[in-house]
Amino acid sequence: MEPDSSCESREPEEGEVVQACSQCQGNQSCTWSGTASPASIEFLHNCHVFSLQIKDVEVLNCEYGKNTIKFLRLHREGKKHFIKEVEVCTHLRLTSAQEYLEGNNSLVIPTDTMKNIVLVLAKKNGIPTIEQFAIDICKHFMTTFCQVAYVKTYVQEVPWQRLHENSVPHVHSFICVPDGIRFCEAEQCRNGPLVLSAGIKDLKLMKTTQSGFEGFFKNEHTTLPERHDRILCGELFCKWSYGECRDFDFDSIWNKIRECILEAFAGPPDCGEYSPSYQKTVNSIQMHILSKVSQVQVIETVLNNVFYNVLDMKNLGLTNDKEVQIPVETPYGFCTCTLGRKKFLEAQAHMLKDERQSQFLLTAAQGN
């Protein structure tokens, strides 16, 4: 079917196949109805996608990297050995998105190269702390490659502990104790500060009393009974930000925060402390950390609820006074909260405002 010589601009009807008019060459909003071949439809689709990339779509983020780089770093001091087994993820954002938009890979640092850089840094610098190692990785990419606009590195550590025999530390033997996984994250934009966070995850905690849940909202869908004495069990994730990177004793701070978590969760060792909800327990943990560790500026805590049902043993001729309970794996509840020091948040807001103002003035100057 040939296009009408007097083609006009109009909207296609519902179900109508739209083709570009050969007379308009796609430069006008001209449409005409006709039978399109699969090849022409594919061509028009590709052109449409391309035009979206160029005219209608802004690239908000395009980063790439290498995940789950696992290795063990062994350090020897005479007969005594020290180990760090880690898992590293490193992501980059480049100054240009040409590899996405144009298929031009000239600026792309291969992820295999990124993996090798991580391993070489571990060999040359060692891993005094995972925080320092994350800082080393960020600084290397930012100072070595001018095409890198942003770098983010995540490092987590396998919980190996030195083995003790009759209270004597062994010189080269270790035991893996799953009592929480230490992790950290460092990120930096070009011409910006290096920002450091750290945390603990997969920390499973339980107390068998001094916990309840009462006075909650009820309606026709509520079947949960109120409880004033229950098991409180949860898997905890806690992440805190130091703000701009400084020369901190990261090992000491991490151990202090872990100690604060345990203290706030359990309460005094002889009597404990009552928890009216998982939410209040999360808040108690966060406030205890902020009161004891001045280096922490922002703290995020997540507590996943592990629920236990008391088993009814009447059909077995027994009275079960909460001695036998069955864990309910799914579904499970969770709660989360993020707190930040007001002075730090206000300073961050002013910094962001100044940065936006500078960008606005630069854009205006370029326009003139």
Protein backbone atom coordinates (compact mmCIF):
# COMPACT_ATOMS: atom_id res chain seq x y z
CA MET A 1 0.00 0.00 0.00
CA GLU A 2 1.42 3.41 -0.99
CA PRO A 3 1.14 6.46 1.25
CA ASP A 4 -1.33 9.14 0.32
CA SER A 5 0.43 11.98 -1.45
CA SER A 6 -1.43 14.45 0.73
CA CYS A 7 -0.30 12.83 3.97
CA GLU A 8 -1.38 14.63 7.09
CA SER A 9 -0.49 14.59 10.78
CA ARG A 10 -2.94 12.52 12.82
CA GLU A 11 -3.07 10.06 15.71
CA PRO A 12 -3.29 6.35 14.75
CA GLU A 13 -6.48 4.54 15.54
CA GLU A 14 -6.58 1.73 18.10
CA GLY A 15 -4.96 -1.44 16.71
CA GLU A 16 -3.54 0.39 13.71
CA VAL A 17 0.01 -0.45 12.58
CA VAL A 18 2.01 2.75 12.22
CA GLN A 19 4.74 3.26 9.64
CA ALA A 20 6.88 6.26 8.82
CA CYS A 21 5.83 8.06 5.66
CA SER A 22 8.53 7.78 2.97
CA GLN A 23 7.80 11.34 1.88
CA CYS A 24 8.23 12.74 5.41
CA GLN A 25 11.27 10.54 6.21
CA GLY A 26 10.27 10.52 9.85
CA ASN A 27 10.92 14.26 10.24
CA GLN A 28 7.25 15.17 10.75
CA SER A 29 4.57 13.69 12.99
CA CYS A 30 2.98 12.09 9.93
CA THR A 31 1.41 8.63 10.18
CA TRP A 32 -0.41 6.49 7.71
CA SER A 33 -2.08 3.16 7.91
CA GLY A 34 -0.57 0.22 6.10
CA THR A 35 0.61 -3.35 6.34
CA ALA A 36 4.05 -3.47 7.96
CA SER A 37 6.45 -6.34 7.54
CA PRO A 38 8.14 -7.84 10.65
CA ALA A 39 11.46 -6.43 9.47
CA SER A 40 10.09 -2.92 9.15
CA ILE A 41 8.41 -3.16 12.57
CA GLU A 42 11.73 -4.25 14.13
CA PHE A 43 13.55 -1.41 12.35
CA LEU A 44 11.03 1.15 13.57
CA HIS A 45 11.20 -0.30 17.13
CA ASN A 46 14.98 -0.04 17.19
CA CYS A 47 14.87 3.52 15.85
CA HIS A 48 12.26 4.39 18.47
CA VAL A 49 14.38 2.97 21.30
CA PHE A 50 17.42 4.81 20.00
CA SER A 51 15.50 8.07 19.78
CA LEU A 52 14.34 7.57 23.38
CA GLN A 53 17.92 7.16 24.52
CA ILE A 54 18.99 10.34 22.81
CA LYS A 55 15.98 12.63 23.28
CA ASP A 56 13.62 11.48 26.00
CA VAL A 57 15.58 9.47 28.56
CA GLU A 58 18.18 10.64 31.03
CA VAL A 59 20.73 8.15 32.36
CA LEU A 60 20.30 8.30 36.13
CA ASN A 61 22.82 5.64 37.04
CA CYS A 62 24.93 3.11 35.20
CA GLU A 63 27.44 1.31 37.36
CA TYR A 64 29.06 -2.06 37.06
CA GLY A 65 31.58 -4.12 38.94
CA LYS A 66 32.77 -7.42 40.34
CA ASN A 67 30.85 -9.18 43.10
CA THR A 68 31.81 -11.93 45.55
CA ILE A 69 35.59 -11.80 45.28
CA LYS A 70 36.50 -14.33 47.98
CA PHE A 71 39.97 -14.99 49.33
CA LEU A 72 42.02 -15.62 52.46
CA ARG A 73 44.90 -13.30 53.42
CA LEU A 74 47.51 -14.96 55.65
CA HIS A 75 49.98 -12.84 57.63
CA ARG A 76 52.90 -14.38 59.52
CA GLU A 77 54.83 -12.98 62.47
CA GLY A 78 57.33 -15.66 63.30
CA LYS A 79 55.45 -18.75 64.43
CA LYS A 80 52.22 -16.82 64.97
CA HIS A 81 49.79 -16.58 62.07
CA PHE A 82 46.97 -14.08 61.48
CA ILE A 83 44.15 -14.54 58.94
CA LYS A 84 41.45 -12.49 57.27
CA GLU A 85 39.02 -14.28 54.97
CA VAL A 86 36.88 -11.77 53.13
CA GLU A 87 34.31 -11.30 50.41
CA VAL A 88 34.60 -8.13 48.35
CA CYS A 89 32.23 -6.37 45.94
CA THR A 90 33.48 -3.34 44.02
CA HIS A 91 31.33 -1.14 41.75
CA LEU A 92 32.31 1.74 39.48
CA ARG A 93 30.44 4.51 37.71
CA LEU A 94 32.31 6.09 34.81
CA THR A 95 32.32 9.69 33.65
CA SER A 96 30.57 8.63 30.43
CA ALA A 97 27.78 6.19 29.68
CA GLN A 98 29.04 5.57 26.14
CA GLU A 99 29.42 1.83 26.72
CA TYR A 100 25.66 1.65 27.33
CA LEU A 101 24.47 4.15 24.75
CA GLU A 102 26.98 3.58 21.96
CA GLY A 103 28.65 0.25 22.68
CA ASN A 104 32.00 2.04 23.01
CA ASN A 105 34.08 0.16 25.60
CA SER A 106 37.19 2.35 25.44
CA LEU A 107 36.72 3.64 29.02
CA VAL A 108 35.53 0.38 30.57
CA ILE A 109 37.86 -1.21 33.12
CA PRO A 110 37.11 -4.97 32.82
CA THR A 111 35.67 -6.56 35.92
CA ASP A 112 38.42 -9.18 35.74
CA THR A 113 40.94 -6.34 36.05
CA MET A 114 38.99 -5.03 39.05
CA LYS A 115 39.21 -8.46 40.68
CA ASN A 116 42.97 -8.60 40.10
CA ILE A 117 43.43 -5.12 41.57
CA VAL A 118 41.64 -6.19 44.76
CA LEU A 119 43.88 -9.25 45.07
CA VAL A 120 47.06 -7.25 44.40
CA LEU A 121 46.08 -4.66 47.04
CA ALA A 122 45.51 -7.47 49.54
CA LYS A 123 48.95 -8.85 48.77
CA LYS A 124 50.76 -5.47 48.93
CA ASN A 125 48.90 -3.73 51.76
CA GLY A 126 47.52 -6.63 53.77
CA ILE A 127 44.18 -6.26 55.57
CA PRO A 128 44.79 -4.55 58.92
CA THR A 129 41.02 -4.02 59.15
CA ILE A 130 38.31 -4.54 56.54
CA GLU A 131 37.49 -0.83 56.80
CA GLN A 132 41.04 0.15 55.90
CA PHE A 133 41.04 -2.37 53.05
CA ALA A 134 37.82 -0.86 51.63
CA ILE A 135 39.41 2.60 51.87
CA ASP A 136 42.52 1.36 50.04
CA ILE A 137 40.40 -0.06 47.21
CA CYS A 138 38.38 3.15 46.78
CA LYS A 139 41.47 5.35 46.81
CA HIS A 140 43.23 3.15 44.25
CA PHE A 141 40.42 3.33 41.69
CA MET A 142 39.83 7.04 42.25
CA THR A 143 43.50 8.02 41.95
CA THR A 144 44.50 5.60 39.18
CA PHE A 145 41.68 5.95 36.65
CA CYS A 146 40.57 9.42 35.55
CA GLN A 147 37.42 7.96 33.93
CA VAL A 148 36.05 6.76 37.29
CA ALA A 149 33.40 9.15 38.63
CA TYR A 150 32.26 7.04 41.59
CA VAL A 151 33.48 3.95 43.39
CA LYS A 152 31.80 1.84 46.05
CA THR A 153 33.36 -1.13 47.84
CA TYR A 154 31.70 -3.62 50.17
CA VAL A 155 33.78 -5.99 52.30
CA GLN A 156 32.56 -8.65 54.71
CA GLU A 157 34.66 -10.91 56.90
CA VAL A 158 34.30 -14.61 57.70
CA PRO A 159 34.08 -14.89 61.54
CA TRP A 160 37.28 -16.82 62.23
CA GLN A 161 38.54 -16.70 65.84
CA ARG A 162 41.83 -17.92 67.20
CA LEU A 163 41.56 -21.34 68.84
CA HIS A 164 42.40 -21.57 72.55
CA GLU A 165 43.56 -24.71 74.34
CA ASN A 166 43.38 -24.53 78.13
CA SER A 167 43.05 -20.72 77.78
CA VAL A 168 46.28 -20.61 75.75
CA PRO A 169 45.91 -19.02 72.27
CA HIS A 170 47.07 -21.30 69.47
CA VAL A 171 49.68 -19.86 67.12
CA HIS A 172 48.14 -21.08 63.86
CA SER A 173 44.73 -22.71 64.47
CA PHE A 174 41.35 -21.04 64.20
CA ILE A 175 37.64 -21.82 64.64
CA CYS A 176 34.74 -20.30 62.69
CA VAL A 177 32.17 -18.95 65.15
CA PRO A 178 28.88 -17.79 63.55
CA ASP A 179 28.11 -15.01 66.05
CA GLY A 180 27.55 -12.22 63.54
CA ILE A 181 29.30 -11.20 60.33
CA ARG A 182 31.31 -8.00 60.25
CA PHE A 183 31.04 -5.85 57.11
CA CYS A 184 31.85 -2.37 55.87
CA GLU A 185 31.18 -0.14 52.86
CA ALA A 186 33.26 2.72 51.49
CA GLU A 187 32.15 5.04 48.68
CA GLN A 188 33.48 8.16 47.04
CA CYS A 189 32.55 10.53 44.23
CA ARG A 190 35.26 12.35 42.36
CA ASN A 191 36.07 15.62 44.14
CA GLY A 192 34.00 14.42 47.09
CA PRO A 193 34.82 12.98 50.53
CA LEU A 194 35.29 9.25 51.12
CA VAL A 195 32.29 8.12 53.18
CA LEU A 196 32.59 5.03 55.36
CA SER A 197 29.98 2.74 56.92
CA ALA A 198 30.35 -0.47 58.89
CA GLY A 199 28.08 -3.01 60.48
CA ILE A 200 27.18 -6.45 61.73
CA LYS A 201 24.65 -8.84 60.20
CA ASP A 202 23.27 -12.35 60.77
CA LEU A 203 23.56 -11.86 64.53
CA LYS A 204 20.97 -14.18 66.09
CA LEU A 205 19.82 -13.22 69.58
CA MET A 206 17.33 -14.72 72.05
CA LYS A 207 16.00 -14.14 75.52
CA THR A 208 13.49 -16.56 76.98
CA THR A 209 11.59 -14.11 79.20
CA GLN A 210 11.30 -10.38 79.95
CA SER A 211 9.51 -9.79 76.67
CA GLY A 212 5.86 -9.22 75.79
CA PHE A 213 3.47 -7.63 73.32
CA GLU A 214 0.28 -6.06 74.69
CA GLY A 215 -2.10 -3.18 74.04
CA PHE A 216 -1.81 -3.33 70.25
CA PHE A 217 -4.51 -2.22 67.80
CA LYS A 218 -7.25 -4.81 67.22
CA ASN A 219 -10.04 -5.25 64.70
CA GLU A 220 -12.07 -8.08 63.17
CA HIS A 221 -8.93 -9.55 61.56
CA THR A 222 -6.92 -9.76 64.79
CA THR A 223 -6.33 -13.30 66.09
CA LEU A 224 -3.02 -12.76 67.92
CA PRO A 225 -3.42 -12.99 71.71
CA GLU A 226 -1.71 -10.52 74.01
CA ARG A 227 1.37 -11.87 75.76
CA HIS A 228 3.26 -10.51 78.74
CA ASP A 229 5.87 -13.28 78.87
CA ARG A 230 7.25 -14.68 75.63
CA ILE A 231 10.48 -15.62 73.91
CA LEU A 232 12.08 -12.72 72.07
CA CYS A 233 14.26 -14.04 69.27
CA GLY A 234 15.50 -12.22 66.22
CA GLU A 235 18.16 -11.97 63.56
CA LEU A 236 19.77 -8.55 63.69
CA PHE A 237 21.28 -6.33 61.00
CA CYS A 238 22.96 -3.13 62.14
CA LYS A 239 24.77 -0.62 59.93
CA TRP A 240 26.29 2.66 61.03
CA SER A 241 27.94 5.57 59.24
CA TYR A 242 31.06 7.40 60.36
CA GLY A 243 30.42 10.21 57.90
CA GLU A 244 33.64 11.32 56.25
CA CYS A 245 36.48 8.85 56.67
CA ARG A 246 38.86 9.57 59.57
CA ASP A 247 41.69 7.78 61.30
CA PHE A 248 39.60 5.70 63.71
CA ASP A 249 40.43 2.52 65.60
CA PHE A 250 37.91 0.47 63.63
CA ASP A 251 38.49 -2.79 65.52
CA SER A 252 37.88 -1.12 68.87
CA ILE A 253 34.76 0.71 67.66
CA TRP A 254 33.24 -2.40 66.08
CA ASN A 255 33.80 -4.47 69.22
CA LYS A 256 32.32 -1.69 71.38
CA ILE A 257 29.20 -1.47 69.21
CA ARG A 258 28.72 -5.23 69.30
CA GLU A 259 29.00 -5.08 73.07
CA CYS A 260 26.38 -2.28 73.16
CA ILE A 261 24.00 -4.38 71.05
CA LEU A 262 24.23 -7.32 73.44
CA GLU A 263 23.86 -5.10 76.52
CA ALA A 264 20.78 -3.31 75.20
CA PHE A 265 19.13 -6.50 73.98
CA ALA A 266 19.66 -8.55 77.14
CA GLY A 267 19.71 -6.00 79.98
CA PRO A 268 21.54 -6.58 83.28
CA PRO A 269 22.86 -10.16 83.62
CA ASP A 270 21.06 -10.88 86.90
CA CYS A 271 17.57 -9.72 85.94
CA GLY A 272 17.42 -8.59 82.30
CA GLU A 273 15.24 -5.75 81.04
CA TYR A 274 11.61 -5.93 79.89
CA SER A 275 10.92 -5.40 76.19
CA PRO A 276 7.35 -4.31 75.32
CA SER A 277 7.95 -4.82 71.58
CA TYR A 278 10.55 -5.57 68.93
CA GLN A 279 10.37 -1.90 67.95
CA LYS A 280 11.32 -0.72 71.44
CA THR A 281 14.20 -3.20 71.52
CA VAL A 282 15.53 -1.79 68.23
CA ASN A 283 15.32 1.75 69.62
CA SER A 284 17.05 0.74 72.87
CA ILE A 285 19.93 -0.77 70.88
CA GLN A 286 20.34 2.32 68.72
CA MET A 287 20.16 4.82 71.59
CA HIS A 288 22.65 2.80 73.63
CA ILE A 289 25.13 2.82 70.72
CA LEU A 290 24.71 6.57 70.08
CA SER A 291 25.24 7.32 73.77
CA LYS A 292 28.40 5.21 74.02
CA VAL A 293 30.09 5.61 70.61
CA SER A 294 30.55 9.24 69.54
CA GLN A 295 32.03 8.33 66.12
CA VAL A 296 28.68 6.94 64.90
CA GLN A 297 26.63 9.59 63.05
CA VAL A 298 23.79 7.58 61.49
CA ILE A 299 22.62 4.12 62.49
CA GLU A 300 20.20 1.73 60.78
CA THR A 301 18.93 -1.38 62.57
CA VAL A 302 16.75 -4.21 61.30
CA LEU A 303 15.39 -6.99 63.53
CA ASN A 304 13.74 -10.00 61.89
CA ASN A 305 11.36 -11.76 64.25
CA VAL A 306 11.78 -15.49 64.91
CA PHE A 307 8.48 -16.58 66.45
CA TYR A 308 7.94 -19.61 68.69
CA ASN A 309 4.61 -21.37 69.28
CA VAL A 310 4.01 -23.27 72.51
CA LEU A 311 3.19 -26.87 71.59
CA ASP A 312 -0.17 -28.18 72.86
CA MET A 313 0.62 -31.58 74.43
CA LYS A 314 -2.78 -32.30 75.99
CA ASN A 315 -3.41 -35.12 73.52
CA LEU A 316 -0.23 -36.70 74.87
CA GLY A 317 -1.48 -36.45 78.44
CA LEU A 318 1.04 -33.73 79.34
CA THR A 319 0.91 -30.13 80.49
CA ASN A 320 3.39 -28.02 78.56
CA ASP A 321 4.37 -24.96 80.61
CA LYS A 322 6.24 -23.32 77.71
CA GLU A 323 9.00 -25.93 77.95
CA VAL A 324 8.55 -27.20 74.38
CA GLN A 325 8.13 -24.60 71.66
CA ILE A 326 8.17 -24.84 67.86
CA PRO A 327 9.88 -22.16 65.71
CA VAL A 328 7.73 -20.59 62.98
CA GLU A 329 10.09 -19.86 60.09
CA THR A 330 7.66 -18.18 57.67
CA PRO A 331 6.05 -15.79 57.44
CA TYR A 332 8.09 -13.64 59.81
CA GLY A 333 7.76 -10.09 61.01
CA PHE A 334 10.46 -7.46 60.95
CA CYS A 335 11.00 -3.90 62.09
CA THR A 336 13.57 -1.30 61.12
CA CYS A 337 14.55 2.20 62.16
CA THR A 338 17.25 4.69 61.17
CA LEU A 339 18.49 7.38 63.55
CA GLY A 340 20.94 10.21 62.91
CA ARG A 341 22.56 12.91 65.00
CA LYS A 342 20.84 16.24 64.27
CA LYS A 343 24.06 18.26 63.94
CA PHE A 344 25.46 15.79 61.43
CA LEU A 345 22.24 15.73 59.37
CA GLU A 346 22.04 19.54 59.36
CA ALA A 347 25.66 19.77 58.20
CA GLN A 348 24.94 17.26 55.44
CA ALA A 349 21.89 19.26 54.33
CA HIS A 350 23.94 22.48 54.15
CA MET A 351 26.68 20.71 52.23
CA LEU A 352 24.15 19.36 49.71
CA LYS A 353 22.54 22.81 49.38
CA ASP A 354 25.93 24.43 48.72
CA GLU A 355 26.78 21.77 46.15
CA ARG A 356 23.48 22.27 44.32
CA GLN A 357 23.96 26.05 44.42
CA SER A 358 27.44 25.69 42.91
CA GLN A 359 26.07 23.45 40.16
CA PHE A 360 23.30 25.97 39.43
CA LEU A 361 25.78 28.87 39.17
CA LEU A 362 28.06 26.83 36.91
CA THR A 363 25.15 25.96 34.64
CA ALA A 364 24.04 29.60 34.52
CA ALA A 365 27.56 30.75 33.68
CA GLN A 366 27.80 28.20 30.88
CA GLY A 367 24.45 29.38 29.56
CA ASN A 368 25.74 32.95 29.35
